[in-house]
Amino acid sequence: MIITKTHQDLKDVLLEPQAPGAKEAYFILPAENQNITVIMSGNNGREFNKTHGHFHKAEVVEIFQCLYGQGLLIMQRNDEMGEAKEFKVVTLSAGKQITVPAGFAHCAVNTGKNFLVILDNASSSPQALSYKLIKQKHGFAYYVVEKKGEIAFEQNPNYAVHPQISTE
């Protein structure tokens, strides 16, 4: 079974929800304890196309392997009040492996001109994932946008705290 996520599915986490975007934003091919996610290239308004993003309900360490394409993996850890405490950005390219620590939400962003294909080792069942806080705040603490042909970060006004962006 292939799960298709559309522009409509992403509207609650986009900087400009009414702006045009990728009709079919990404696809998930789930298997037992692993998934392949294919993220289409393009933009949703000024924002690069991305996955919805989520936390895990259990303390899970997730491993991502970039199979094809280029992009960013953003990770965010929140405090008890739901405010961003840490915000990390890791560049994705074919062959790169990334570990998402337990307690971090994550989202993959396609900043390239082709598909971004990622393999992960986690369950994609709705019982294992939490989208609630990401939806309430309309995304992560920063949006990844295109500004004058470059990758830039724009603060999400739904957060009172915007921690320094760390890169790996």
Protein backbone atom coordinates (compact mmCIF):
# COMPACT_ATOMS: atom_id res chain seq x y z
CA MET A 1 0.00 0.00 0.00
CA ILE A 2 1.29 3.46 -0.90
CA ILE A 3 0.20 6.41 1.25
CA THR A 4 -0.15 9.66 -0.69
CA LYS A 5 0.07 13.03 1.09
CA THR A 6 -1.26 16.01 -0.82
CA HIS A 7 -0.86 19.77 -0.64
CA GLN A 8 -4.22 19.78 1.16
CA ASP A 9 -2.77 17.44 3.86
CA LEU A 10 0.08 19.92 4.48
CA LYS A 11 -2.01 23.10 4.74
CA ASP A 12 -2.07 23.03 8.55
CA VAL A 13 1.76 23.25 8.72
CA LEU A 14 2.53 25.64 5.85
CA LEU A 15 3.71 29.24 6.05
CA GLU A 16 1.30 30.19 3.25
CA PRO A 17 -1.49 27.58 3.32
CA GLN A 18 -3.48 29.26 0.53
CA ALA A 19 -0.52 29.52 -1.87
CA PRO A 20 -0.25 26.96 -4.68
CA GLY A 21 1.91 23.92 -4.05
CA ALA A 22 2.80 20.39 -5.04
CA LYS A 23 -0.51 18.60 -5.69
CA GLU A 24 0.98 15.31 -4.50
CA ALA A 25 3.53 16.41 -1.89
CA TYR A 26 5.00 13.04 -0.93
CA PHE A 27 4.46 9.30 -0.84
CA ILE A 28 5.14 6.81 1.94
CA LEU A 29 5.77 3.14 1.23
CA PRO A 30 5.35 1.51 4.65
CA ALA A 31 6.69 -1.89 5.62
CA GLU A 32 7.22 -3.57 8.96
CA ASN A 33 9.39 -1.20 11.04
CA GLN A 34 10.64 0.73 8.02
CA ASN A 35 9.37 3.18 5.44
CA ILE A 36 10.49 4.71 2.20
CA THR A 37 9.38 8.30 1.75
CA VAL A 38 9.52 10.02 -1.64
CA ILE A 39 9.19 13.81 -1.44
CA MET A 40 8.42 15.70 -4.63
CA SER A 41 10.49 18.74 -5.60
CA GLY A 42 8.96 22.19 -5.78
CA ASN A 43 7.52 24.76 -3.44
CA ASN A 44 4.40 25.45 -1.43
CA GLY A 45 4.32 29.20 -1.87
CA ARG A 46 7.79 30.40 -0.80
CA GLU A 47 8.35 27.29 1.29
CA PHE A 48 10.19 24.23 -0.04
CA ASN A 49 8.07 21.08 -0.26
CA LYS A 50 8.29 18.94 2.87
CA THR A 51 6.77 16.18 4.94
CA HIS A 52 4.20 17.07 7.59
CA GLY A 53 6.54 16.37 10.52
CA HIS A 54 5.75 14.65 13.79
CA PHE A 55 6.88 13.52 17.21
CA HIS A 56 6.91 9.86 18.24
CA LYS A 57 4.65 8.89 21.15
CA ALA A 58 7.32 6.53 22.51
CA GLU A 59 10.97 7.34 23.19
CA VAL A 60 12.25 6.24 19.78
CA VAL A 61 15.62 6.82 18.17
CA GLU A 62 15.01 6.94 14.43
CA ILE A 63 17.60 6.38 11.73
CA PHE A 64 17.23 7.97 8.31
CA GLN A 65 19.18 6.95 5.22
CA CYS A 66 19.02 9.30 2.23
CA LEU A 67 18.77 7.13 -0.87
CA TYR A 68 18.46 9.81 -3.53
CA GLY A 69 18.25 13.55 -3.93
CA GLN A 70 19.11 16.45 -1.70
CA GLY A 71 17.38 18.32 1.05
CA LEU A 72 17.31 18.99 4.76
CA LEU A 73 16.19 17.06 7.80
CA ILE A 74 14.98 19.44 10.47
CA MET A 75 14.72 18.30 14.08
CA GLN A 76 13.12 20.14 16.97
CA ARG A 77 12.91 19.43 20.68
CA ASN A 78 10.30 21.29 22.71
CA ASP A 79 9.99 22.17 26.38
CA GLU A 80 7.07 21.17 28.62
CA MET A 81 5.07 24.20 27.43
CA GLY A 82 5.40 23.22 23.75
CA GLU A 83 7.94 25.93 22.90
CA ALA A 84 10.97 25.09 20.78
CA LYS A 85 14.04 24.39 22.90
CA GLU A 86 16.42 23.11 20.19
CA PHE A 87 16.32 23.34 16.40
CA LYS A 88 18.78 21.30 14.30
CA VAL A 89 19.27 21.17 10.55
CA VAL A 90 21.12 18.37 8.77
CA THR A 91 21.89 18.37 5.04
CA LEU A 92 20.62 15.31 3.17
CA SER A 93 22.41 13.79 0.18
CA ALA A 94 22.51 10.29 -1.28
CA GLY A 95 24.21 7.84 1.08
CA LYS A 96 24.02 10.02 4.19
CA GLN A 97 22.70 8.46 7.37
CA ILE A 98 21.22 10.54 10.19
CA THR A 99 20.10 9.63 13.68
CA VAL A 100 17.13 11.50 15.14
CA PRO A 101 17.43 11.42 18.95
CA ALA A 102 14.49 10.37 21.10
CA GLY A 103 12.22 13.29 21.97
CA PHE A 104 12.83 15.22 18.75
CA ALA A 105 10.18 15.97 16.14
CA HIS A 106 11.44 15.77 12.57
CA CYS A 107 10.53 16.83 9.07
CA ALA A 108 12.24 16.24 5.72
CA VAL A 109 12.47 19.13 3.24
CA ASN A 110 13.24 18.71 -0.46
CA THR A 111 15.49 21.60 -1.53
CA GLY A 112 16.63 19.91 -4.75
CA LYS A 113 15.31 19.74 -8.30
CA ASN A 114 14.47 15.99 -8.22
CA PHE A 115 12.80 13.54 -5.84
CA LEU A 116 14.15 13.21 -2.31
CA VAL A 117 14.03 9.55 -1.25
CA ILE A 118 14.55 8.55 2.38
CA LEU A 119 14.51 5.19 4.19
CA ASP A 120 13.73 5.14 7.92
CA ASN A 121 13.49 2.48 10.59
CA ALA A 122 10.32 3.53 12.42
CA SER A 123 6.69 2.56 12.44
CA SER A 124 4.39 4.83 10.47
CA SER A 125 1.25 3.61 12.21
CA PRO A 126 -1.01 6.41 13.49
CA GLN A 127 -0.76 4.91 17.00
CA ALA A 128 3.02 5.53 17.04
CA LEU A 129 3.04 9.14 15.79
CA SER A 130 1.89 12.45 17.26
CA TYR A 131 1.01 15.33 14.93
CA LYS A 132 -0.96 17.37 17.50
CA LEU A 133 1.66 19.94 18.60
CA ILE A 134 2.99 20.45 15.07
CA LYS A 135 -0.56 21.14 13.85
CA GLN A 136 -1.34 23.47 16.79
CA LYS A 137 1.75 25.58 16.05
CA HIS A 138 1.28 25.36 12.25
CA GLY A 139 4.65 23.70 11.73
CA PHE A 140 8.10 23.86 13.28
CA ALA A 141 9.75 26.94 14.84
CA TYR A 142 11.21 27.86 11.44
CA TYR A 143 9.96 27.45 7.89
CA VAL A 144 12.49 26.52 5.18
CA VAL A 145 11.91 29.03 2.37
CA GLU A 146 13.44 30.04 -0.92
CA LYS A 147 14.76 33.60 -0.83
CA LYS A 148 16.50 35.01 -3.91
CA GLY A 149 17.23 31.47 -5.10
CA GLU A 150 18.82 30.47 -1.77
CA ILE A 151 17.70 28.39 1.21
CA ALA A 152 16.59 30.58 4.12
CA PHE A 153 14.78 30.16 7.43
CA GLU A 154 11.73 32.18 8.40
CA GLN A 155 10.45 32.28 11.97
CA ASN A 156 7.07 30.71 12.64
CA PRO A 157 5.09 33.43 14.50
CA ASN A 158 3.14 30.78 16.44
CA TYR A 159 6.21 30.16 18.63
CA ALA A 160 7.26 32.62 21.34
CA VAL A 161 10.78 31.13 21.35
CA HIS A 162 13.01 30.69 18.30
CA PRO A 163 16.19 28.92 19.39
CA GLN A 164 19.45 29.33 17.54
CA ILE A 165 19.60 27.04 14.51
CA SER A 166 22.36 24.44 14.85
CA THR A 167 23.70 22.54 11.86
CA GLU A 168 25.37 19.17 11.54
